PDB file of N, CA and C in Angstrom:
ATOM      1  N   MET A   1     127.268 -83.512  74.202  1.00  0.00           N
ATOM      2  CA  MET A   1     128.578 -84.626  75.160  1.00  0.00           C
ATOM      3  C   MET A   1     130.036 -84.949  74.599  1.00  0.00           C
ATOM      4  N   ARG A   2     129.681 -85.136  73.772  1.00  0.00           N
ATOM      5  CA  ARG A   2     131.581 -85.749  72.848  1.00  0.00           C
ATOM      6  C   ARG A   2     132.208 -84.897  73.074  1.00  0.00           C
ATOM      7  N   LYS A   3     131.540 -83.564  72.973  1.00  0.00           N
ATOM      8  CA  LYS A   3     132.596 -82.317  73.006  1.00  0.00           C
ATOM      9  C   LYS A   3     133.262 -82.188  74.204  1.00  0.00           C
ATOM     10  N   ALA A   4     131.599 -82.271  75.436  1.00  0.00           N
ATOM     11  CA  ALA A   4     132.414 -82.107  76.559  1.00  0.00           C
ATOM     12  C   ALA A   4     133.659 -82.874  77.023  1.00  0.00           C
ATOM     13  N   ILE A   5     133.839 -84.356  76.756  1.00  0.00           N
ATOM     14  CA  ILE A   5     134.374 -85.450  76.871  1.00  0.00           C
ATOM     15  C   ILE A   5     135.690 -85.381  75.596  1.00  0.00           C
ATOM     16  N   GLN A   6     135.882 -84.577  74.797  1.00  0.00           N
ATOM     17  CA  GLN A   6     137.287 -83.934  73.818  1.00  0.00           C
ATOM     18  C   GLN A   6     137.600 -82.986  74.863  1.00  0.00           C
ATOM     19  N   PHE A   7     137.192 -82.050  75.257  1.00  0.00           N
ATOM     20  CA  PHE A   7     137.205 -80.636  76.251  1.00  0.00           C
ATOM     21  C   PHE A   7     138.325 -81.665  77.837  1.00  0.00           C
ATOM     22  N   VAL A   8     138.080 -81.972  78.227  1.00  0.00           N
ATOM     23  CA  VAL A   8     138.377 -82.862  79.539  1.00  0.00           C
ATOM     24  C   VAL A   8     140.121 -83.420  78.471  1.00  0.00           C
ATOM     25  N   GLY A   9     139.496 -83.808  77.661  1.00  0.00           N
ATOM     26  CA  GLY A   9     140.597 -85.137  77.553  1.00  0.00           C
ATOM     27  C   GLY A   9     142.060 -83.920  76.866  1.00  0.00           C
ATOM     28  N   VAL A  10     141.248 -82.768  75.912  1.00  0.00           N
ATOM     29  CA  VAL A  10     142.258 -81.796  75.992  1.00  0.00           C
ATOM     30  C   VAL A  10     143.153 -81.141  77.250  1.00  0.00           C
ATOM     31  N   TYR A  11     142.525 -80.818  77.705  1.00  0.00           N
ATOM     32  CA  TYR A  11     142.943 -80.180  79.486  1.00  0.00           C
ATOM     33  C   TYR A  11     144.090 -81.491  79.650  1.00  0.00           C
ATOM     34  N   LEU A  12     143.338 -82.939  79.643  1.00  0.00           N
ATOM     35  CA  LEU A  12     144.760 -83.420  80.249  1.00  0.00           C
ATOM     36  C   LEU A  12     146.269 -83.579  79.685  1.00  0.00           C
ATOM     37  N   ILE A  13     145.450 -83.566  78.133  1.00  0.00           N
ATOM     38  CA  ILE A  13     147.150 -83.426  77.157  1.00  0.00           C
ATOM     39  C   ILE A  13     147.557 -81.956  77.977  1.00  0.00           C
ATOM     40  N   ALA A  14     147.059 -81.105  77.887  1.00  0.00           N
ATOM     41  CA  ALA A  14     147.923 -79.605  78.132  1.00  0.00           C
ATOM     42  C   ALA A  14     148.020 -79.894  79.600  1.00  0.00           C
ATOM     43  N   SER A  15     147.418 -80.303  80.405  1.00  0.00           N
ATOM     44  CA  SER A  15     148.051 -80.219  82.091  1.00  0.00           C
ATOM     45  C   SER A  15     149.044 -81.232  82.392  1.00  0.00           C
ATOM     46  N   GLY A  16     149.461 -82.452  81.941  1.00  0.00           N
ATOM     47  CA  GLY A  16     150.241 -82.945  81.654  1.00  0.00           C
ATOM     48  C   GLY A  16     151.527 -82.456  80.517  1.00  0.00           C
ATOM     49  N   ILE A  17     151.486 -82.011  79.663  1.00  0.00           N
ATOM     50  CA  ILE A  17     153.093 -81.568  78.617  1.00  0.00           C
ATOM     51  C   ILE A  17     153.176 -80.351  79.722  1.00  0.00           C
ATOM     52  N   SER A  18     151.958 -79.655  80.588  1.00  0.00           N
ATOM     53  CA  SER A  18     152.009 -78.433  81.185  1.00  0.00           C
ATOM     54  C   SER A  18     153.075 -78.768  82.723  1.00  0.00           C
ATOM     55  N   GLY A  19     152.847 -80.150  82.740  1.00  0.00           N
ATOM     56  CA  GLY A  19     153.160 -80.643  84.372  1.00  0.00           C
ATOM     57  C   GLY A  19     154.604 -80.825  84.174  1.00  0.00           C
ATOM     58  N   VAL A  20     155.073 -81.411  82.606  1.00  0.00           N
ATOM     59  CA  VAL A  20     156.614 -81.747  82.368  1.00  0.00           C
ATOM     60  C   VAL A  20     157.364 -80.571  82.618  1.00  0.00           C
ATOM     61  N   ILE A  21     156.566 -79.628  81.243  1.00  0.00           N
ATOM     62  CA  ILE A  21     157.875 -78.104  81.183  1.00  0.00           C
ATOM     63  C   ILE A  21     157.420 -77.810  82.676  1.00  0.00           C
ATOM     64  N   ASP A  22     156.674 -77.830  83.656  1.00  0.00           N
ATOM     65  CA  ASP A  22     156.924 -77.255  85.249  1.00  0.00           C
ATOM     66  C   ASP A  22     157.818 -77.808  85.828  1.00  0.00           C
ATOM     67  N   HIS A  23     157.785 -78.818  85.980  1.00  0.00           N
ATOM     68  CA  HIS A  23     158.702 -80.284  86.532  1.00  0.00           C
ATOM     69  C   HIS A  23     160.544 -79.968  86.082  1.00  0.00           C
ATOM     70  N   VAL A  24     160.697 -79.696  84.793  1.00  0.00           N
ATOM     71  CA  VAL A  24     161.965 -79.148  84.256  1.00  0.00           C
ATOM     72  C   VAL A  24     162.342 -78.128  84.661  1.00  0.00           C
ATOM     73  N   TRP A  25     161.433 -76.755  83.845  1.00  0.00           N
ATOM     74  CA  TRP A  25     161.058 -75.453  84.267  1.00  0.00           C
ATOM     75  C   TRP A  25     160.396 -74.918  84.464  1.00  0.00           C
ATOM     76  N   TYR A  26     160.123 -73.743  85.346  1.00  0.00           N
ATOM     77  CA  TYR A  26     159.333 -72.820  85.429  1.00  0.00           C
ATOM     78  C   TYR A  26     158.460 -73.140  84.854  1.00  0.00           C
ATOM     79  N   GLN A  27     157.063 -72.881  84.461  1.00  0.00           N
ATOM     80  CA  GLN A  27     156.057 -72.489  84.008  1.00  0.00           C
ATOM     81  C   GLN A  27     155.184 -71.743  84.591  1.00  0.00           C
ATOM     82  N   PRO A  28     155.190 -70.405  84.066  1.00  0.00           N
ATOM     83  CA  PRO A  28     154.579 -69.029  84.319  1.00  0.00           C
ATOM     84  C   PRO A  28     153.445 -69.238  83.442  1.00  0.00           C
ATOM     85  N   ILE A  29     152.818 -69.583  82.582  1.00  0.00           N
ATOM     86  CA  ILE A  29     151.256 -69.237  81.745  1.00  0.00           C
ATOM     87  C   ILE A  29     150.672 -70.270  82.558  1.00  0.00           C
ATOM     88  N   MET A  30     149.495 -69.744  83.041  1.00  0.00           N
ATOM     89  CA  MET A  30     148.422 -70.885  83.658  1.00  0.00           C
ATOM     90  C   MET A  30     148.748 -71.844  84.164  1.00  0.00           C
ATOM     91  N   GLY A  31     149.696 -71.441  85.343  1.00  0.00           N
ATOM     92  CA  GLY A  31     150.325 -72.742  86.277  1.00  0.00           C
ATOM     93  C   GLY A  31     149.389 -73.371  86.833  1.00  0.00           C
ATOM     94  N   ILE A  32     148.287 -72.726  87.838  1.00  0.00           N
ATOM     95  CA  ILE A  32     147.572 -72.692  88.617  1.00  0.00           C
ATOM     96  C   ILE A  32     146.461 -73.673  87.891  1.00  0.00           C
ATOM     97  N   VAL A  33     146.510 -73.314  86.677  1.00  0.00           N
ATOM     98  CA  VAL A  33     145.114 -74.472  86.288  1.00  0.00           C
ATOM     99  C   VAL A  33     145.732 -75.328  85.648  1.00  0.00           C
ATOM    100  N   LEU A  34     146.059 -75.240  85.072  1.00  0.00           N
ATOM    101  CA  LEU A  34     147.022 -76.210  84.460  1.00  0.00           C
ATOM    102  C   LEU A  34     148.231 -77.378  85.440  1.00  0.00           C
ATOM    103  N   ASN A  35     148.592 -76.742  86.519  1.00  0.00           N
ATOM    104  CA  ASN A  35     149.570 -77.582  86.584  1.00  0.00           C
ATOM    105  C   ASN A  35     149.249 -77.933  88.064  1.00  0.00           C
ATOM    106  N   ALA A  36     147.841 -78.073  88.294  1.00  0.00           N
ATOM    107  CA  ALA A  36     146.968 -78.677  89.454  1.00  0.00           C
ATOM    108  C   ALA A  36     147.325 -80.398  89.923  1.00  0.00           C
ATOM    109  N   PHE A  37     147.333 -80.834  88.616  1.00  0.00           N
ATOM    110  CA  PHE A  37     148.096 -82.399  89.130  1.00  0.00           C
ATOM    111  C   PHE A  37     149.335 -82.304  89.436  1.00  0.00           C
ATOM    112  N   HIS A  38     150.004 -81.491  89.173  1.00  0.00           N
ATOM    113  CA  HIS A  38     151.412 -81.460  89.450  1.00  0.00           C
ATOM    114  C   HIS A  38     151.815 -80.926  90.690  1.00  0.00           C
ATOM    115  N   ARG A  39     151.429 -79.821  90.866  1.00  0.00           N
ATOM    116  CA  ARG A  39     151.143 -79.121  91.956  1.00  0.00           C
ATOM    117  C   ARG A  39     150.638 -79.487  93.692  1.00  0.00           C
ATOM    118  N   VAL A  40     149.492 -80.278  93.310  1.00  0.00           N
ATOM    119  CA  VAL A  40     148.974 -80.623  94.339  1.00  0.00           C
ATOM    120  C   VAL A  40     148.595 -82.242  94.608  1.00  0.00           C
ATOM    121  N   VAL A  41     148.623 -82.851  93.400  1.00  0.00           N
ATOM    122  CA  VAL A  41     148.634 -84.421  93.695  1.00  0.00           C
ATOM    123  C   VAL A  41     149.404 -85.071  94.153  1.00  0.00           C
ATOM    124  N   LEU A  42     150.722 -85.473  92.959  1.00  0.00           N
ATOM    125  CA  LEU A  42     152.136 -85.765  92.877  1.00  0.00           C
ATOM    126  C   LEU A  42     152.681 -85.844  94.267  1.00  0.00           C
ATOM    127  N   PRO A  43     152.527 -84.399  94.927  1.00  0.00           N
ATOM    128  CA  PRO A  43     153.788 -84.866  96.348  1.00  0.00           C
ATOM    129  C   PRO A  43     152.857 -85.259  97.476  1.00  0.00           C
ATOM    130  N   ARG A  44     151.497 -85.398  97.465  1.00  0.00           N
ATOM    131  CA  ARG A  44     150.918 -86.059  98.014  1.00  0.00           C
ATOM    132  C   ARG A  44     150.747 -87.393  98.482  1.00  0.00           C
ATOM    133  N   LEU A  45     151.410 -88.134  96.479  1.00  0.00           N
ATOM    134  CA  LEU A  45     151.198 -89.208  96.350  1.00  0.00           C
ATOM    135  C   LEU A  45     152.872 -89.789  96.784  1.00  0.00           C
ATOM    136  N   ASP A  46     153.300 -91.017  97.523  1.00  0.00           N
ATOM    137  CA  ASP A  46     154.746 -90.954  98.125  1.00  0.00           C
ATOM    138  C   ASP A  46     155.217 -91.707  97.313  1.00  0.00           C
ATOM    139  N   PHE A  47     154.812 -92.997  96.733  1.00  0.00           N
ATOM    140  CA  PHE A  47     155.047 -94.212  95.373  1.00  0.00           C
ATOM    141  C   PHE A  47     155.182 -93.162  94.314  1.00  0.00           C
ATOM    142  N   LEU A  48     154.946 -92.033  93.721  1.00  0.00           N
ATOM    143  CA  LEU A  48     155.465 -91.726  92.478  1.00  0.00           C
ATOM    144  C   LEU A  48     156.423 -90.321  92.584  1.00  0.00           C
ATOM    145  N   ASP A  49     157.248 -89.951  93.845  1.00  0.00           N
ATOM    146  CA  ASP A  49     158.311 -89.979  94.122  1.00  0.00           C
ATOM    147  C   ASP A  49     158.946 -89.991  93.145  1.00  0.00           C
ATOM    148  N   GLY A  50     159.917 -89.094  92.441  1.00  0.00           N
ATOM    149  CA  GLY A  50     161.089 -89.035  91.318  1.00  0.00           C
ATOM    150  C   GLY A  50     160.493 -89.876  90.267  1.00  0.00           C
ATOM    151  N   TYR A  51     159.450 -90.056  90.193  1.00  0.00           N
ATOM    152  CA  TYR A  51     158.793 -90.788  88.615  1.00  0.00           C
ATOM    153  C   TYR A  51     157.618 -89.161  88.446  1.00  0.00           C
ATOM    154  N   GLU A  52     157.912 -87.841  89.015  1.00  0.00           N
ATOM    155  CA  GLU A  52     156.930 -86.741  88.356  1.00  0.00           C
ATOM    156  C   GLU A  52     156.775 -86.893  86.938  1.00  0.00           C
ATOM    157  N   ILE A  53     157.749 -87.130  85.695  1.00  0.00           N
ATOM    158  CA  ILE A  53     157.562 -86.817  84.227  1.00  0.00           C
ATOM    159  C   ILE A  53     156.535 -88.231  83.928  1.00  0.00           C
ATOM    160  N   PHE A  54     157.360 -88.997  84.508  1.00  0.00           N
ATOM    161  CA  PHE A  54     156.573 -90.259  83.550  1.00  0.00           C
ATOM    162  C   PHE A  54     155.068 -89.987  84.190  1.00  0.00           C
ATOM    163  N   ALA A  55     155.013 -89.614  85.742  1.00  0.00           N
ATOM    164  CA  ALA A  55     153.324 -89.479  86.229  1.00  0.00           C
ATOM    165  C   ALA A  55     152.850 -88.517  84.994  1.00  0.00           C
ATOM    166  N   ASN A  56     153.130 -87.190  84.688  1.00  0.00           N
ATOM    167  CA  ASN A  56     152.659 -86.082  83.922  1.00  0.00           C
ATOM    168  C   ASN A  56     152.721 -87.071  82.421  1.00  0.00           C
ATOM    169  N   LEU A  57     153.302 -87.570  82.029  1.00  0.00           N
ATOM    170  CA  LEU A  57     153.842 -87.752  80.199  1.00  0.00           C
ATOM    171  C   LEU A  57     152.049 -88.731  80.810  1.00  0.00           C
ATOM    172  N   THR A  58     151.923 -89.347  81.695  1.00  0.00           N
ATOM    173  CA  THR A  58     150.995 -90.886  81.937  1.00  0.00           C
ATOM    174  C   THR A  58     149.219 -90.124  81.612  1.00  0.00           C
ATOM    175  N   VAL A  59     149.551 -88.877  82.609  1.00  0.00           N
ATOM    176  CA  VAL A  59     148.238 -87.510  82.476  1.00  0.00           C
ATOM    177  C   VAL A  59     147.876 -87.232  80.714  1.00  0.00           C
ATOM    178  N   SER A  60     149.078 -87.198  79.929  1.00  0.00           N
ATOM    179  CA  SER A  60     148.485 -86.437  78.470  1.00  0.00           C
ATOM    180  C   SER A  60     148.822 -87.550  77.473  1.00  0.00           C
ATOM    181  N   ALA A  61     148.749 -88.983  77.804  1.00  0.00           N
ATOM    182  CA  ALA A  61     148.791 -90.475  77.449  1.00  0.00           C
ATOM    183  C   ALA A  61     146.744 -90.598  77.372  1.00  0.00           C
ATOM    184  N   VAL A  62     146.776 -90.375  78.560  1.00  0.00           N
ATOM    185  CA  VAL A  62     144.825 -90.390  78.865  1.00  0.00           C
ATOM    186  C   VAL A  62     144.409 -89.998  78.320  1.00  0.00           C
ATOM    187  N   GLY A  63     144.886 -88.822  78.301  1.00  0.00           N
ATOM    188  CA  GLY A  63     144.018 -87.486  77.841  1.00  0.00           C
ATOM    189  C   GLY A  63     143.851 -87.591  76.359  1.00  0.00           C
ATOM    190  N   VAL A  64     144.729 -88.462  75.773  1.00  0.00           N
ATOM    191  CA  VAL A  64     144.619 -88.739  74.111  1.00  0.00           C
ATOM    192  C   VAL A  64     143.696 -90.070  73.987  1.00  0.00           C
ATOM    193  N   VAL A  65     144.195 -90.474  74.933  1.00  0.00           N
ATOM    194  CA  VAL A  65     142.719 -91.692  74.777  1.00  0.00           C
ATOM    195  C   VAL A  65     141.945 -91.472  75.037  1.00  0.00           C
ATOM    196  N   VAL A  66     141.240 -90.251  76.101  1.00  0.00           N
ATOM    197  CA  VAL A  66     140.211 -90.098  76.177  1.00  0.00           C
ATOM    198  C   VAL A  66     139.411 -89.486  74.934  1.00  0.00           C
ATOM    199  N   VAL A  67     140.701 -88.279  74.210  1.00  0.00           N
ATOM    200  CA  VAL A  67     140.335 -87.329  72.991  1.00  0.00           C
ATOM    201  C   VAL A  67     139.446 -88.601  71.755  1.00  0.00           C
ATOM    202  N   LEU A  68     140.741 -89.721  71.466  1.00  0.00           N
ATOM    203  CA  LEU A  68     139.906 -90.826  70.624  1.00  0.00           C
ATOM    204  C   LEU A  68     139.066 -91.409  70.997  1.00  0.00           C
ATOM    205  N   ALA A  69     138.573 -91.582  71.843  1.00  0.00           N
ATOM    206  CA  ALA A  69     137.687 -92.538  72.831  1.00  0.00           C
ATOM    207  C   ALA A  69     136.136 -91.599  72.529  1.00  0.00           C
ATOM    208  N   ALA A  70     136.282 -90.645  72.378  1.00  0.00           N
ATOM    209  CA  ALA A  70     134.729 -89.794  72.443  1.00  0.00           C
ATOM    210  C   ALA A  70     135.013 -89.111  70.809  1.00  0.00           C
ATOM    211  N   GLU A  71     135.674 -89.604  69.755  1.00  0.00           N
ATOM    212  CA  GLU A  71     135.809 -89.666  68.401  1.00  0.00           C
ATOM    213  C   GLU A  71     134.639 -90.015  67.597  1.00  0.00           C
ATOM    214  N   PRO A  72     133.320 -89.426  66.797  1.00  0.00           N
ATOM    215  CA  PRO A  72     132.525 -91.166  66.169  1.00  0.00           C
ATOM    216  C   PRO A  72     133.663 -92.190  65.422  1.00  0.00           C
ATOM    217  N   TRP A  73     133.239 -92.964  65.396  1.00  0.00           N
ATOM    218  CA  TRP A  73     133.819 -94.495  64.298  1.00  0.00           C
ATOM    219  C   TRP A  73     132.428 -94.676  63.668  1.00  0.00           C
ATOM    220  N   GLY A  74     133.166 -95.311  62.835  1.00  0.00           N
ATOM    221  CA  GLY A  74     132.380 -96.070  61.633  1.00  0.00           C
ATOM    222  C   GLY A  74     131.316 -94.491  60.586  1.00  0.00           C
ATOM    223  N   ARG A  75     131.879 -93.417  60.903  1.00  0.00           N
ATOM    224  CA  ARG A  75     130.940 -92.415  60.134  1.00  0.00           C
ATOM    225  C   ARG A  75     132.611 -92.111  59.161  1.00  0.00           C
ATOM    226  N   SER A  76     131.811 -91.482  57.791  1.00  0.00           N
ATOM    227  CA  SER A  76     133.155 -90.977  56.752  1.00  0.00           C
ATOM    228  C   SER A  76     132.236 -90.041  56.227  1.00  0.00           C
TER     229      SER A  76
END
């Protein structure tokens, strides 16, 4: 289960970074997979209009938190 959660976190990191790249410059590599949040969700949220880069960076930050939360603590 930990590996699945880490995979979701890594996907969120890649998706957020890819969304920033897509916003600044066109992202041709795996755009339909990695830019789903940027191309599908963000246009439907009017309060994020003009804050697309910050929203994508927030998705990346959430991904980092998910990956770190899935790491085992207390083991050496």
